[in-house]
Amino acid sequence: MADYDDFARAQLPRLLRYATMLTGEREQAADLVQDVLVKVYRHWSRISSADHPDRYVLRMVTNGYLSWRHSWSARVFASDDLPDEARADDFASDHAAREDMWQRLARLPKRQRAVVVLRYYEQLPDPEIAGLLGCAQATVRAHAHKALAALRNGLAIEQMAEARET
């Protein structure tokens, strides 16, 4: 099983980053990847003979995320009021923008979020995303369209609210 050990060591950082993008939480991502790697170990002889074992395992992580019974939505609670404007050297504003995007991604339905992460984080083309999700390319495009519309809509609503306050 040295072959499995080498594979797991090589793929673990990527799988953890990918799962973190899907789940929004490092602990849940680690649990998900651990569950998948246990399954991979059990079926290593079959998985290692696949054309692209790394893509096969990526699909296992995706399917695990989509079907895991626990709630994967990130629960983030604001604890303080944010200042109206950030200073030019304010690194907290960068962090706040990333946190805001995490919250927006967490509100997307699981399949839409998976498509966004696969397309923009993993930079996979639609045919590969369709293969990983087990759906048609048109479905991938529809999920991406709906997800981006929801993200844009959230930004537009926020901008309108800010404009009313000023």
N, C-alpha and C. Protein backbone atom coordinates (compact mmCIF):
# COMPACT_ATOMS: atom_id res chain seq x y z
N MET A 1 0.81 -1.21 0.00
CA MET A 1 0.00 0.00 0.00
C MET A 1 0.85 1.27 0.00
N ALA A 2 2.13 1.11 -0.30
CA ALA A 2 2.99 2.29 -0.39
C ALA A 2 2.48 3.22 -1.48
N ASP A 3 1.92 2.65 -2.53
CA ASP A 3 1.36 3.44 -3.62
C ASP A 3 0.22 4.34 -3.11
N TYR A 4 -0.64 3.78 -2.25
CA TYR A 4 -1.72 4.57 -1.66
C TYR A 4 -1.17 5.68 -0.78
N ASP A 5 -0.17 5.36 0.04
CA ASP A 5 0.42 6.36 0.92
C ASP A 5 0.99 7.53 0.12
N ASP A 6 1.69 7.22 -0.95
CA ASP A 6 2.25 8.29 -1.79
C ASP A 6 1.14 9.13 -2.40
N PHE A 7 0.10 8.47 -2.89
CA PHE A 7 -1.02 9.18 -3.49
C PHE A 7 -1.69 10.08 -2.46
N ALA A 8 -1.98 9.54 -1.29
CA ALA A 8 -2.67 10.31 -0.25
C ALA A 8 -1.83 11.50 0.19
N ARG A 9 -0.54 11.31 0.37
CA ARG A 9 0.33 12.43 0.77
C ARG A 9 0.36 13.51 -0.30
N ALA A 10 0.42 13.10 -1.55
CA ALA A 10 0.49 14.06 -2.64
C ALA A 10 -0.82 14.82 -2.82
N GLN A 11 -1.95 14.14 -2.64
CA GLN A 11 -3.26 14.74 -2.90
C GLN A 11 -3.88 15.43 -1.70
N LEU A 12 -3.42 15.13 -0.50
CA LEU A 12 -4.06 15.65 0.71
C LEU A 12 -4.16 17.18 0.74
N PRO A 13 -3.10 17.93 0.47
CA PRO A 13 -3.25 19.39 0.52
C PRO A 13 -4.31 19.91 -0.45
N ARG A 14 -4.31 19.40 -1.67
CA ARG A 14 -5.30 19.84 -2.66
C ARG A 14 -6.71 19.47 -2.22
N LEU A 15 -6.89 18.24 -1.75
CA LEU A 15 -8.22 17.80 -1.32
C LEU A 15 -8.72 18.64 -0.15
N LEU A 16 -7.84 18.96 0.79
CA LEU A 16 -8.25 19.78 1.93
C LEU A 16 -8.63 21.18 1.50
N ARG A 17 -7.84 21.78 0.59
CA ARG A 17 -8.20 23.12 0.08
C ARG A 17 -9.54 23.08 -0.63
N TYR A 18 -9.72 22.08 -1.48
CA TYR A 18 -10.97 21.96 -2.24
C TYR A 18 -12.16 21.76 -1.30
N ALA A 19 -12.03 20.86 -0.34
CA ALA A 19 -13.12 20.60 0.59
C ALA A 19 -13.41 21.81 1.45
N THR A 20 -12.38 22.57 1.81
CA THR A 20 -12.59 23.79 2.58
C THR A 20 -13.38 24.80 1.78
N MET A 21 -13.09 24.90 0.49
CA MET A 21 -13.85 25.81 -0.37
C MET A 21 -15.32 25.37 -0.45
N LEU A 22 -15.55 24.07 -0.48
CA LEU A 22 -16.93 23.58 -0.56
C LEU A 22 -17.67 23.80 0.75
N THR A 23 -17.04 23.43 1.86
CA THR A 23 -17.75 23.44 3.14
C THR A 23 -17.71 24.78 3.84
N GLY A 24 -16.65 25.55 3.59
CA GLY A 24 -16.51 26.82 4.26
C GLY A 24 -15.91 26.71 5.65
N GLU A 25 -15.60 25.51 6.09
CA GLU A 25 -15.04 25.29 7.41
C GLU A 25 -13.96 24.23 7.36
N ARG A 26 -12.81 24.54 7.92
CA ARG A 26 -11.66 23.61 7.86
C ARG A 26 -11.95 22.29 8.57
N GLU A 27 -12.63 22.36 9.69
CA GLU A 27 -12.88 21.13 10.45
C GLU A 27 -13.80 20.19 9.66
N GLN A 28 -14.84 20.73 9.08
CA GLN A 28 -15.74 19.90 8.28
C GLN A 28 -15.02 19.38 7.04
N ALA A 29 -14.18 20.20 6.45
CA ALA A 29 -13.41 19.78 5.29
C ALA A 29 -12.49 18.61 5.65
N ALA A 30 -11.84 18.72 6.80
CA ALA A 30 -10.95 17.64 7.23
C ALA A 30 -11.73 16.35 7.47
N ASP A 31 -12.91 16.45 8.08
CA ASP A 31 -13.75 15.27 8.29
C ASP A 31 -14.16 14.65 6.97
N LEU A 32 -14.57 15.49 6.03
CA LEU A 32 -14.99 15.01 4.72
C LEU A 32 -13.85 14.30 4.00
N VAL A 33 -12.68 14.92 3.97
CA VAL A 33 -11.53 14.31 3.28
C VAL A 33 -11.12 13.03 3.98
N GLN A 34 -11.16 13.01 5.29
CA GLN A 34 -10.82 11.79 6.02
C GLN A 34 -11.77 10.66 5.65
N ASP A 35 -13.06 10.93 5.63
CA ASP A 35 -14.03 9.91 5.25
C ASP A 35 -13.76 9.38 3.84
N VAL A 36 -13.46 10.29 2.92
CA VAL A 36 -13.20 9.89 1.53
C VAL A 36 -11.92 9.06 1.45
N LEU A 37 -10.87 9.48 2.14
CA LEU A 37 -9.61 8.73 2.06
C LEU A 37 -9.72 7.34 2.67
N VAL A 38 -10.59 7.18 3.65
CA VAL A 38 -10.84 5.83 4.19
C VAL A 38 -11.49 4.96 3.11
N LYS A 39 -12.46 5.52 2.40
CA LYS A 39 -13.10 4.78 1.30
C LYS A 39 -12.10 4.48 0.19
N VAL A 40 -11.26 5.44 -0.11
CA VAL A 40 -10.24 5.25 -1.15
C VAL A 40 -9.31 4.10 -0.74
N TYR A 41 -8.91 4.06 0.51
CA TYR A 41 -8.02 3.00 0.99
C TYR A 41 -8.67 1.63 0.80
N ARG A 42 -9.93 1.53 1.14
CA ARG A 42 -10.65 0.25 1.01
C ARG A 42 -10.72 -0.24 -0.43
N HIS A 43 -10.79 0.69 -1.36
CA HIS A 43 -10.98 0.34 -2.77
C HIS A 43 -9.78 0.77 -3.63
N TRP A 44 -8.61 0.86 -3.02
CA TRP A 44 -7.44 1.38 -3.71
C TRP A 44 -7.08 0.62 -4.98
N SER A 45 -7.21 -0.68 -4.96
CA SER A 45 -6.83 -1.46 -6.16
C SER A 45 -7.67 -1.05 -7.36
N ARG A 46 -8.95 -0.80 -7.16
CA ARG A 46 -9.83 -0.37 -8.25
C ARG A 46 -9.58 1.10 -8.61
N ILE A 47 -9.44 1.95 -7.63
CA ILE A 47 -9.28 3.39 -7.88
C ILE A 47 -7.93 3.67 -8.53
N SER A 48 -6.88 2.98 -8.09
CA SER A 48 -5.55 3.23 -8.64
C SER A 48 -5.44 2.82 -10.10
N SER A 49 -6.32 1.94 -10.55
CA SER A 49 -6.29 1.53 -11.95
C SER A 49 -7.11 2.45 -12.86
N ALA A 50 -7.78 3.44 -12.29
CA ALA A 50 -8.55 4.39 -13.08
C ALA A 50 -7.59 5.27 -13.90
N ASP A 51 -8.10 5.83 -14.99
CA ASP A 51 -7.28 6.69 -15.84
C ASP A 51 -6.72 7.88 -15.07
N HIS A 52 -7.55 8.50 -14.25
CA HIS A 52 -7.16 9.68 -13.46
C HIS A 52 -7.64 9.47 -12.02
N PRO A 53 -6.87 8.76 -11.22
CA PRO A 53 -7.31 8.53 -9.84
C PRO A 53 -7.55 9.82 -9.06
N ASP A 54 -6.77 10.87 -9.37
CA ASP A 54 -6.96 12.14 -8.66
C ASP A 54 -8.33 12.74 -8.96
N ARG A 55 -8.79 12.66 -10.21
CA ARG A 55 -10.12 13.16 -10.57
C ARG A 55 -11.21 12.29 -9.94
N TYR A 56 -10.95 11.00 -9.88
CA TYR A 56 -11.91 10.07 -9.28
C TYR A 56 -12.12 10.43 -7.81
N VAL A 57 -11.02 10.69 -7.11
CA VAL A 57 -11.10 11.02 -5.68
C VAL A 57 -11.72 12.41 -5.50
N LEU A 58 -11.42 13.33 -6.40
CA LEU A 58 -12.06 14.65 -6.35
C LEU A 58 -13.57 14.51 -6.47
N ARG A 59 -14.00 13.62 -7.34
CA ARG A 59 -15.44 13.37 -7.48
C ARG A 59 -16.01 12.76 -6.20
N MET A 60 -15.25 11.89 -5.57
CA MET A 60 -15.70 11.30 -4.30
C MET A 60 -15.89 12.39 -3.24
N VAL A 61 -14.98 13.35 -3.20
CA VAL A 61 -15.10 14.45 -2.24
C VAL A 61 -16.35 15.28 -2.57
N THR A 62 -16.53 15.56 -3.86
CA THR A 62 -17.70 16.33 -4.28
C THR A 62 -18.99 15.61 -3.91
N ASN A 63 -19.07 14.33 -4.22
CA ASN A 63 -20.27 13.56 -3.90
C ASN A 63 -20.48 13.46 -2.39
N GLY A 64 -19.38 13.32 -1.66
CA GLY A 64 -19.49 13.28 -0.20
C GLY A 64 -20.05 14.58 0.35
N TYR A 65 -19.59 15.69 -0.20
CA TYR A 65 -20.09 17.00 0.22
C TYR A 65 -21.58 17.13 -0.12
N LEU A 66 -21.95 16.72 -1.32
CA LEU A 66 -23.34 16.88 -1.75
C LEU A 66 -24.31 15.97 -0.98
N SER A 67 -23.81 14.86 -0.47
CA SER A 67 -24.73 13.90 0.16
C SER A 67 -24.59 13.80 1.67
N TRP A 68 -23.59 14.41 2.25
CA TRP A 68 -23.42 14.29 3.69
C TRP A 68 -24.62 14.88 4.40
N ARG A 69 -25.13 14.20 5.39
CA ARG A 69 -26.39 14.57 6.02
C ARG A 69 -26.27 15.77 6.96
N HIS A 70 -25.07 16.08 7.40
CA HIS A 70 -24.89 17.24 8.29
C HIS A 70 -25.09 18.52 7.50
N SER A 71 -25.48 19.55 8.18
CA SER A 71 -25.63 20.86 7.52
C SER A 71 -24.25 21.42 7.24
N TRP A 72 -24.01 21.70 5.96
CA TRP A 72 -22.70 22.22 5.56
C TRP A 72 -22.69 23.74 5.52
N SER A 73 -23.79 24.36 5.76
CA SER A 73 -23.78 25.82 5.63
C SER A 73 -22.95 26.43 6.76
N ALA A 74 -22.14 27.36 6.40
CA ALA A 74 -21.29 28.04 7.38
C ALA A 74 -22.16 28.97 8.21
N ARG A 75 -21.93 28.93 9.48
CA ARG A 75 -22.69 29.81 10.36
C ARG A 75 -21.73 30.86 10.90
N VAL A 76 -21.88 32.04 10.38
CA VAL A 76 -21.00 33.13 10.77
C VAL A 76 -21.86 34.22 11.39
N PHE A 77 -21.44 34.69 12.55
CA PHE A 77 -22.19 35.71 13.23
C PHE A 77 -21.32 36.95 13.39
N ALA A 78 -21.86 38.08 13.01
CA ALA A 78 -21.11 39.33 13.17
C ALA A 78 -21.13 39.69 14.65
N SER A 79 -19.97 40.09 15.15
CA SER A 79 -19.91 40.41 16.57
C SER A 79 -19.72 41.90 16.84
N ASP A 80 -19.18 42.62 15.87
CA ASP A 80 -18.93 44.04 16.05
C ASP A 80 -19.43 44.80 14.83
N ASP A 81 -19.64 46.09 15.02
CA ASP A 81 -19.98 46.94 13.88
C ASP A 81 -18.70 47.26 13.12
N LEU A 82 -18.80 47.27 11.81
CA LEU A 82 -17.65 47.60 10.98
C LEU A 82 -17.63 49.10 10.73
N PRO A 83 -16.45 49.67 10.58
CA PRO A 83 -16.38 51.10 10.29
C PRO A 83 -16.95 51.38 8.91
N ASP A 84 -17.38 52.63 8.68
CA ASP A 84 -17.98 53.01 7.40
C ASP A 84 -16.99 52.91 6.26
N GLU A 85 -15.75 53.32 6.48
CA GLU A 85 -14.75 53.28 5.42
C GLU A 85 -13.46 52.69 5.96
N ALA A 86 -12.73 51.99 5.06
CA ALA A 86 -11.46 51.40 5.45
C ALA A 86 -10.32 52.31 5.05
N ARG A 87 -9.28 52.28 5.87
CA ARG A 87 -8.07 53.01 5.51
C ARG A 87 -7.35 52.25 4.40
N ALA A 88 -6.47 52.94 3.69
CA ALA A 88 -5.73 52.31 2.58
C ALA A 88 -4.85 51.16 3.08
N ASP A 89 -4.33 51.27 4.30
CA ASP A 89 -3.45 50.23 4.84
C ASP A 89 -4.21 49.26 5.75
N ASP A 90 -5.52 49.24 5.66
CA ASP A 90 -6.36 48.42 6.53
C ASP A 90 -6.50 47.02 5.95
N PHE A 91 -5.71 46.08 6.48
CA PHE A 91 -5.77 44.71 6.01
C PHE A 91 -7.04 44.02 6.48
N ALA A 92 -7.66 44.54 7.49
CA ALA A 92 -8.91 43.97 7.98
C ALA A 92 -10.01 44.06 6.93
N SER A 93 -9.97 45.10 6.09
CA SER A 93 -10.99 45.22 5.06
C SER A 93 -10.87 44.09 4.04
N ASP A 94 -9.62 43.68 3.74
CA ASP A 94 -9.43 42.53 2.84
C ASP A 94 -10.01 41.27 3.48
N HIS A 95 -9.74 41.11 4.76
CA HIS A 95 -10.27 39.95 5.47
C HIS A 95 -11.80 39.99 5.51
N ALA A 96 -12.35 41.17 5.74
CA ALA A 96 -13.81 41.31 5.78
C ALA A 96 -14.43 40.99 4.43
N ALA A 97 -13.77 41.40 3.35
CA ALA A 97 -14.29 41.09 2.01
C ALA A 97 -14.26 39.59 1.76
N ARG A 98 -13.19 38.92 2.17
CA ARG A 98 -13.13 37.45 2.00
C ARG A 98 -14.20 36.77 2.85
N GLU A 99 -14.38 37.25 4.06
CA GLU A 99 -15.39 36.67 4.95
C GLU A 99 -16.79 36.87 4.38
N ASP A 100 -17.03 38.03 3.80
CA ASP A 100 -18.31 38.31 3.16
C ASP A 100 -18.56 37.32 2.02
N MET A 101 -17.52 37.06 1.23
CA MET A 101 -17.68 36.11 0.13
C MET A 101 -17.94 34.70 0.65
N TRP A 102 -17.27 34.31 1.75
CA TRP A 102 -17.54 33.01 2.36
C TRP A 102 -19.02 32.90 2.74
N GLN A 103 -19.54 33.97 3.33
CA GLN A 103 -20.94 33.96 3.76
C GLN A 103 -21.87 33.83 2.55
N ARG A 104 -21.56 34.55 1.50
CA ARG A 104 -22.39 34.48 0.28
C ARG A 104 -22.33 33.09 -0.33
N LEU A 105 -21.15 32.51 -0.40
CA LEU A 105 -21.01 31.15 -0.94
C LEU A 105 -21.77 30.14 -0.08
N ALA A 106 -21.71 30.33 1.23
CA ALA A 106 -22.36 29.40 2.15
C ALA A 106 -23.88 29.38 1.96
N ARG A 107 -24.44 30.48 1.47
CA ARG A 107 -25.89 30.54 1.28
C ARG A 107 -26.34 29.90 -0.02
N LEU A 108 -25.40 29.60 -0.91
CA LEU A 108 -25.79 28.95 -2.18
C LEU A 108 -26.19 27.50 -1.93
N PRO A 109 -27.11 26.97 -2.74
CA PRO A 109 -27.39 25.53 -2.66
C PRO A 109 -26.12 24.74 -2.97
N LYS A 110 -26.05 23.52 -2.46
CA LYS A 110 -24.83 22.72 -2.54
C LYS A 110 -24.32 22.54 -3.97
N ARG A 111 -25.18 22.19 -4.89
CA ARG A 111 -24.72 21.94 -6.28
C ARG A 111 -24.22 23.23 -6.92
N GLN A 112 -24.90 24.35 -6.67
CA GLN A 112 -24.43 25.61 -7.23
C GLN A 112 -23.07 25.97 -6.66
N ARG A 113 -22.92 25.78 -5.38
CA ARG A 113 -21.64 26.08 -4.74
C ARG A 113 -20.54 25.17 -5.29
N ALA A 114 -20.85 23.90 -5.48
CA ALA A 114 -19.86 22.97 -6.03
C ALA A 114 -19.44 23.41 -7.43
N VAL A 115 -20.39 23.84 -8.25
CA VAL A 115 -20.06 24.29 -9.61
C VAL A 115 -19.17 25.53 -9.55
N VAL A 116 -19.50 26.48 -8.69
CA VAL A 116 -18.69 27.70 -8.58
C VAL A 116 -17.27 27.36 -8.14
N VAL A 117 -17.13 26.50 -7.16
CA VAL A 117 -15.80 26.13 -6.67
C VAL A 117 -15.03 25.36 -7.74
N LEU A 118 -15.68 24.42 -8.41
CA LEU A 118 -14.99 23.65 -9.44
C LEU A 118 -14.59 24.53 -10.63
N ARG A 119 -15.44 25.46 -10.98
CA ARG A 119 -15.17 26.31 -12.14
C ARG A 119 -14.13 27.39 -11.84
N TYR A 120 -14.29 28.09 -10.74
CA TYR A 120 -13.45 29.26 -10.48
C TYR A 120 -12.27 28.99 -9.55
N TYR A 121 -12.38 27.99 -8.69
CA TYR A 121 -11.26 27.68 -7.80
C TYR A 121 -10.38 26.59 -8.40
N GLU A 122 -11.02 25.50 -8.81
CA GLU A 122 -10.28 24.41 -9.44
C GLU A 122 -9.99 24.68 -10.91
N GLN A 123 -10.68 25.65 -11.50
CA GLN A 123 -10.52 26.05 -12.89
C GLN A 123 -10.73 24.88 -13.86
N LEU A 124 -11.77 24.12 -13.60
CA LEU A 124 -12.12 23.00 -14.47
C LEU A 124 -13.11 23.46 -15.53
N PRO A 125 -13.00 22.91 -16.73
CA PRO A 125 -13.98 23.24 -17.77
C PRO A 125 -15.31 22.54 -17.51
N ASP A 126 -16.35 23.04 -18.13
CA ASP A 126 -17.70 22.50 -17.91
C ASP A 126 -17.81 20.99 -18.16
N PRO A 127 -17.19 20.43 -19.21
CA PRO A 127 -17.31 18.98 -19.41
C PRO A 127 -16.76 18.17 -18.22
N GLU A 128 -15.65 18.64 -17.63
CA GLU A 128 -15.09 17.93 -16.48
C GLU A 128 -15.97 18.10 -15.25
N ILE A 129 -16.52 19.29 -15.08
CA ILE A 129 -17.43 19.52 -13.94
C ILE A 129 -18.65 18.62 -14.08
N ALA A 130 -19.19 18.55 -15.29
CA ALA A 130 -20.35 17.69 -15.53
C ALA A 130 -20.01 16.24 -15.19
N GLY A 131 -18.82 15.81 -15.57
CA GLY A 131 -18.40 14.44 -15.25
C GLY A 131 -18.26 14.22 -13.76
N LEU A 132 -17.71 15.20 -13.05
CA LEU A 132 -17.56 15.06 -11.60
C LEU A 132 -18.90 15.05 -10.88
N LEU A 133 -19.83 15.86 -11.37
CA LEU A 133 -21.14 15.94 -10.70
C LEU A 133 -22.15 14.93 -11.23
N GLY A 134 -21.80 14.28 -12.34
CA GLY A 134 -22.72 13.30 -12.92
C GLY A 134 -23.96 13.94 -13.52
N CYS A 135 -23.77 15.04 -14.24
CA CYS A 135 -24.90 15.73 -14.85
C CYS A 135 -24.48 16.24 -16.23
N ALA A 136 -25.42 16.86 -16.93
CA ALA A 136 -25.15 17.38 -18.26
C ALA A 136 -24.41 18.72 -18.17
N GLN A 137 -23.69 19.07 -19.23
CA GLN A 137 -22.99 20.35 -19.27
C GLN A 137 -23.97 21.51 -19.16
N ALA A 138 -25.14 21.35 -19.74
CA ALA A 138 -26.15 22.41 -19.66
C ALA A 138 -26.57 22.63 -18.20
N THR A 139 -26.62 21.57 -17.43
CA THR A 139 -26.95 21.69 -16.01
C THR A 139 -25.86 22.45 -15.27
N VAL A 140 -24.61 22.18 -15.63
CA VAL A 140 -23.49 22.90 -15.02
C VAL A 140 -23.62 24.39 -15.32
N ARG A 141 -23.89 24.71 -16.57
CA ARG A 141 -24.02 26.12 -16.95
C ARG A 141 -25.21 26.77 -16.23
N ALA A 142 -26.30 26.03 -16.09
CA ALA A 142 -27.47 26.57 -15.39
C ALA A 142 -27.16 26.83 -13.91
N HIS A 143 -26.47 25.88 -13.27
CA HIS A 143 -26.09 26.08 -11.87
C HIS A 143 -25.16 27.28 -11.73
N ALA A 144 -24.20 27.41 -12.64
CA ALA A 144 -23.27 28.54 -12.58
C ALA A 144 -24.02 29.85 -12.77
N HIS A 145 -24.93 29.88 -13.72
CA HIS A 145 -25.71 31.10 -13.98
C HIS A 145 -26.53 31.50 -12.75
N LYS A 146 -27.21 30.53 -12.17
CA LYS A 146 -28.04 30.83 -10.99
C LYS A 146 -27.19 31.27 -9.80
N ALA A 147 -26.03 30.61 -9.62
CA ALA A 147 -25.16 30.95 -8.50
C ALA A 147 -24.61 32.37 -8.65
N LEU A 148 -24.14 32.69 -9.84
CA LEU A 148 -23.60 34.03 -10.07
C LEU A 148 -24.69 35.09 -9.96
N ALA A 149 -25.89 34.76 -10.43
CA ALA A 149 -27.00 35.71 -10.30
C ALA A 149 -27.32 35.96 -8.82
N ALA A 150 -27.31 34.90 -8.03
CA ALA A 150 -27.58 35.05 -6.60
C ALA A 150 -26.50 35.87 -5.92
N LEU A 151 -25.24 35.64 -6.29
CA LEU A 151 -24.15 36.41 -5.70
C LEU A 151 -24.24 37.88 -6.11
N ARG A 152 -24.55 38.12 -7.39
CA ARG A 152 -24.70 39.50 -7.86
C ARG A 152 -25.89 40.18 -7.20
N ASN A 153 -26.99 39.44 -7.08
CA ASN A 153 -28.20 39.99 -6.47
C ASN A 153 -27.91 40.40 -5.02
N GLY A 154 -27.18 39.58 -4.30
CA GLY A 154 -26.83 39.91 -2.93
C GLY A 154 -26.00 41.18 -2.85
N LEU A 155 -25.08 41.35 -3.79
CA LEU A 155 -24.28 42.57 -3.83
C LEU A 155 -25.13 43.78 -4.17
N ALA A 156 -26.04 43.61 -5.13
CA ALA A 156 -26.90 44.73 -5.54
C ALA A 156 -27.80 45.17 -4.40
N ILE A 157 -28.37 44.23 -3.69
CA ILE A 157 -29.24 44.56 -2.55
C ILE A 157 -28.45 45.30 -1.48
N GLU A 158 -27.24 44.82 -1.23
CA GLU A 158 -26.39 45.47 -0.23
C GLU A 158 -26.03 46.89 -0.65
N GLN A 159 -25.72 47.08 -1.93
CA GLN A 159 -25.37 48.42 -2.42
C GLN A 159 -26.57 49.36 -2.35
N MET A 160 -27.77 48.85 -2.63
CA MET A 160 -28.97 49.67 -2.54
C MET A 160 -29.22 50.09 -1.10
N ALA A 161 -29.00 49.16 -0.17
CA ALA A 161 -29.20 49.48 1.24
C ALA A 161 -28.20 50.53 1.70
N GLU A 162 -26.96 50.39 1.23
CA GLU A 162 -25.94 51.39 1.59
C GLU A 162 -26.28 52.75 1.02
N ALA A 163 -26.83 52.79 -0.21
CA ALA A 163 -27.17 54.06 -0.85
C ALA A 163 -28.30 54.74 -0.08
N ARG A 164 -29.24 53.95 0.43
CA ARG A 164 -30.35 54.53 1.20
C ARG A 164 -29.86 55.13 2.51
N GLU A 165 -28.83 54.54 3.10
CA GLU A 165 -28.33 55.02 4.37
C GLU A 165 -27.58 56.34 4.22
N THR A 166 -27.03 56.60 3.04
CA THR A 166 -26.25 57.83 2.86
C THR A 166 -27.10 59.00 2.42
